[in-house]
Amino acid sequence: MRRTMDCSACANPIPEGSQFCNRCGTSTEAKPRTKTSRIVLVSGAIALCGLAYLSMGSWNANRVGAAILHTPITFTNETQNLGAHSWRSVPVVLPYSGTLDITMKVDRGNPIDIYLVTPETLEEMKKTALWRNIQGNANFSAVKTTSYHRDAPIDRGTYYFVMRDTSLGIFSASGTDVDLRIGLRP
């Protein structure tokens, strides 16, 4: 009497020693799980990026995909206008820990102060006119600068890049144009 086993795909009885099911053609040999799990992981990431693209648009979908796969992300690459004696914050939500890269150049206008702060520190900044005691991330701070480039490791989380023009606009420019690029790489 010949021994049989059942096909893992269609449950058809297969004679022992057969390499394939004689009904559906499925291999009877065990497959390594690592390749399958990688394919499933990559397929899942692609599907998630596709859903993000459909629901949020291509720009946000690219950010979601970059966060999942830990690829470089550009948060901001634009020119901002900052009035004399004013400040502006740019949100930076880091989906993973990595190297934050910030480049800033004043195209026209006054030198500015720069801070990278947490949401709690930003709330303090909104409440007080004196910023002497404000402590931002030491790796990303500068005073009266027109050209700035820093990159340093940082933990994932929410931060704000704050630009401040302390001039009064009387003997200085009434506004400042700032080219700003903020990115994250693994």
Protein backbone atom coordinates (compact mmCIF):
# COMPACT_ATOMS: atom_id res chain seq x y z
CA MET A 1 0.00 0.00 0.00
CA ARG A 2 1.36 3.43 -0.99
CA ARG A 3 1.45 6.20 1.52
CA THR A 4 -0.07 9.57 0.65
CA MET A 5 -0.01 13.10 1.93
CA ASP A 6 -2.42 15.98 1.35
CA CYS A 7 -1.59 18.96 -0.87
CA SER A 8 -1.21 22.14 1.19
CA ALA A 9 -3.06 24.18 -1.46
CA CYS A 10 -6.02 21.99 -2.56
CA ALA A 11 -6.01 19.09 0.00
CA ASN A 12 -5.77 16.53 -2.82
CA PRO A 13 -4.10 13.23 -1.78
CA ILE A 14 -0.57 13.07 -3.25
CA PRO A 15 1.59 9.91 -3.32
CA GLU A 16 4.56 10.24 -0.97
CA GLY A 17 7.75 11.22 -2.77
CA SER A 18 5.98 13.36 -5.39
CA GLN A 19 7.47 16.77 -5.93
CA PHE A 20 4.23 18.38 -7.18
CA CYS A 21 0.50 17.94 -6.65
CA ASN A 22 -1.00 16.03 -9.60
CA ARG A 23 -4.16 18.17 -9.36
CA CYS A 24 -3.04 21.82 -8.88
CA GLY A 25 0.73 21.66 -9.50
CA THR A 26 1.78 23.07 -6.09
CA SER A 27 5.26 22.04 -4.95
CA THR A 28 5.35 19.63 -2.02
CA GLU A 29 8.69 20.91 -0.76
CA ALA A 30 8.74 23.40 2.14
CA LYS A 31 9.41 26.97 1.05
CA PRO A 32 11.74 29.24 3.05
CA ARG A 33 9.67 31.73 5.05
CA THR A 34 12.12 34.62 4.90
CA LYS A 35 11.56 35.33 1.22
CA THR A 36 7.80 35.10 1.60
CA SER A 37 7.75 37.40 4.63
CA ARG A 38 9.90 39.98 2.79
CA ILE A 39 7.60 39.87 -0.21
CA VAL A 40 4.57 40.28 2.03
CA LEU A 41 6.25 43.18 3.88
CA VAL A 42 7.22 44.99 0.67
CA SER A 43 3.81 44.25 -0.88
CA GLY A 44 2.11 45.62 2.24
CA ALA A 45 4.24 48.77 2.14
CA ILE A 46 3.43 49.29 -1.54
CA ALA A 47 -0.28 48.77 -0.86
CA LEU A 48 -0.16 51.23 2.04
CA CYS A 49 1.58 53.82 -0.13
CA GLY A 50 -1.08 53.27 -2.81
CA LEU A 51 -3.85 53.84 -0.29
CA ALA A 52 -2.08 56.94 1.01
CA TYR A 53 -1.74 58.24 -2.54
CA LEU A 54 -5.45 57.78 -3.19
CA SER A 55 -6.58 59.31 0.09
CA MET A 56 -4.00 62.06 0.68
CA GLY A 57 -2.42 62.91 -2.66
CA SER A 58 1.03 62.20 -4.03
CA TRP A 59 3.03 64.56 -1.78
CA ASN A 60 1.74 63.06 1.49
CA ALA A 61 1.87 59.54 0.05
CA ASN A 62 5.58 60.01 -0.69
CA ARG A 63 6.13 61.07 2.93
CA VAL A 64 4.20 58.03 4.23
CA GLY A 65 6.23 55.73 1.99
CA ALA A 66 9.49 57.35 3.10
CA ALA A 67 8.50 56.96 6.75
CA ILE A 68 7.67 53.27 6.33
CA LEU A 69 10.80 52.45 4.37
CA HIS A 70 13.08 54.91 6.25
CA THR A 71 14.20 56.76 3.14
CA PRO A 72 15.15 60.46 3.02
CA ILE A 73 12.28 62.95 3.41
CA THR A 74 12.17 66.63 2.44
CA PHE A 75 9.77 68.54 4.68
CA THR A 76 10.30 72.06 3.39
CA ASN A 77 12.01 73.45 0.32
CA GLU A 78 10.65 76.95 -0.15
CA THR A 79 11.14 80.67 0.27
CA GLN A 80 9.44 82.24 3.29
CA ASN A 81 8.88 85.94 3.94
CA LEU A 82 9.43 87.18 7.47
CA GLY A 83 8.45 90.72 8.43
CA ALA A 84 10.72 92.95 10.51
CA HIS A 85 10.30 92.40 14.25
CA SER A 86 8.33 89.16 13.77
CA TRP A 87 8.79 85.42 13.95
CA ARG A 88 7.48 82.33 12.20
CA SER A 89 7.52 78.63 13.04
CA VAL A 90 7.63 75.73 10.58
CA PRO A 91 6.36 72.36 11.89
CA VAL A 92 8.71 69.40 11.46
CA VAL A 93 7.14 66.01 12.27
CA LEU A 94 9.84 63.33 12.23
CA PRO A 95 8.40 59.82 11.65
CA TYR A 96 11.69 58.12 12.53
CA SER A 97 14.96 58.96 14.29
CA GLY A 98 17.67 60.04 11.89
CA THR A 99 19.82 62.96 10.80
CA LEU A 100 17.97 66.24 10.49
CA ASP A 101 19.44 68.50 7.81
CA ILE A 102 18.53 72.21 7.81
CA THR A 103 19.79 74.77 5.30
CA MET A 104 18.73 78.42 5.50
CA LYS A 105 19.89 81.44 3.51
CA VAL A 106 18.65 85.02 3.73
CA ASP A 107 18.15 86.12 0.12
CA ARG A 108 17.15 89.66 0.98
CA GLY A 109 16.70 91.38 4.31
CA ASN A 110 17.92 91.21 7.89
CA PRO A 111 19.94 88.62 9.80
CA ILE A 112 17.67 86.30 11.79
CA ASP A 113 17.75 84.14 14.92
CA ILE A 114 17.03 80.42 14.57
CA TYR A 115 15.72 77.85 17.05
CA LEU A 116 14.55 74.24 16.83
CA VAL A 117 12.07 73.69 19.66
CA THR A 118 9.53 71.21 21.00
CA PRO A 119 5.79 72.00 21.03
CA GLU A 120 5.99 72.83 24.75
CA THR A 121 8.78 75.36 24.17
CA LEU A 122 6.84 76.89 21.28
CA GLU A 123 3.89 77.47 23.63
CA GLU A 124 6.27 79.27 26.02
CA MET A 125 7.54 81.42 23.14
CA LYS A 126 3.99 82.47 22.29
CA LYS A 127 3.38 83.64 25.87
CA THR A 128 6.47 85.77 26.40
CA ALA A 129 8.11 88.63 24.52
CA LEU A 130 11.49 87.98 26.19
CA TRP A 131 13.12 84.96 24.63
CA ARG A 132 16.35 85.08 26.65
CA ASN A 133 15.48 81.97 28.65
CA ILE A 134 14.16 79.95 25.71
CA GLN A 135 16.23 76.82 25.21
CA GLY A 136 15.99 75.13 21.82
CA ASN A 137 17.96 72.19 20.51
CA ALA A 138 21.63 73.23 20.89
CA ASN A 139 22.55 71.60 17.55
CA PHE A 140 20.09 73.82 15.68
CA SER A 141 20.43 77.34 17.06
CA ALA A 142 21.95 80.52 15.66
CA VAL A 143 21.80 84.24 16.38
CA LYS A 144 21.88 87.03 13.77
CA THR A 145 22.73 84.78 10.85
CA THR A 146 22.21 85.11 7.11
CA SER A 147 23.55 81.70 6.09
CA TYR A 148 23.03 78.51 8.03
CA HIS A 149 23.55 74.78 7.51
CA ARG A 150 23.41 72.13 10.22
CA ASP A 151 22.84 68.41 10.32
CA ALA A 152 22.74 66.32 13.46
CA PRO A 153 21.10 63.17 14.81
CA ILE A 154 17.66 63.67 16.33
CA ASP A 155 14.92 61.49 17.79
CA ARG A 156 11.57 61.05 16.12
CA GLY A 157 8.85 63.41 17.27
CA THR A 158 7.34 66.82 16.61
CA TYR A 159 9.52 69.92 16.48
CA TYR A 160 9.21 73.49 15.24
CA PHE A 161 11.86 75.39 13.32
CA VAL A 162 11.51 79.01 14.49
CA MET A 163 12.90 81.98 12.56
CA ARG A 164 12.93 85.39 14.25
CA ASP A 165 13.76 88.82 12.85
CA THR A 166 14.60 91.06 15.82
CA SER A 167 15.16 94.23 13.76
CA LEU A 168 12.63 97.04 14.04
CA GLY A 169 12.52 97.84 10.33
CA ILE A 170 13.49 101.49 10.87
CA PHE A 171 17.13 101.39 9.73
CA SER A 172 16.83 97.88 8.32
CA ALA A 173 14.75 96.01 5.74
CA SER A 174 11.00 95.86 6.39
CA GLY A 175 10.97 92.17 5.46
CA THR A 176 13.30 89.24 5.00
CA ASP A 177 13.14 86.55 2.29
CA VAL A 178 14.47 83.26 3.61
CA ASP A 179 15.25 80.18 1.47
CA LEU A 180 14.62 77.20 3.73
CA ARG A 181 15.22 73.50 3.20
CA ILE A 182 14.53 70.93 5.93
CA GLY A 183 15.09 67.21 5.39
CA LEU A 184 15.55 63.95 7.29
CA ARG A 185 17.69 60.99 6.33
CA PRO A 186 18.09 57.62 8.07
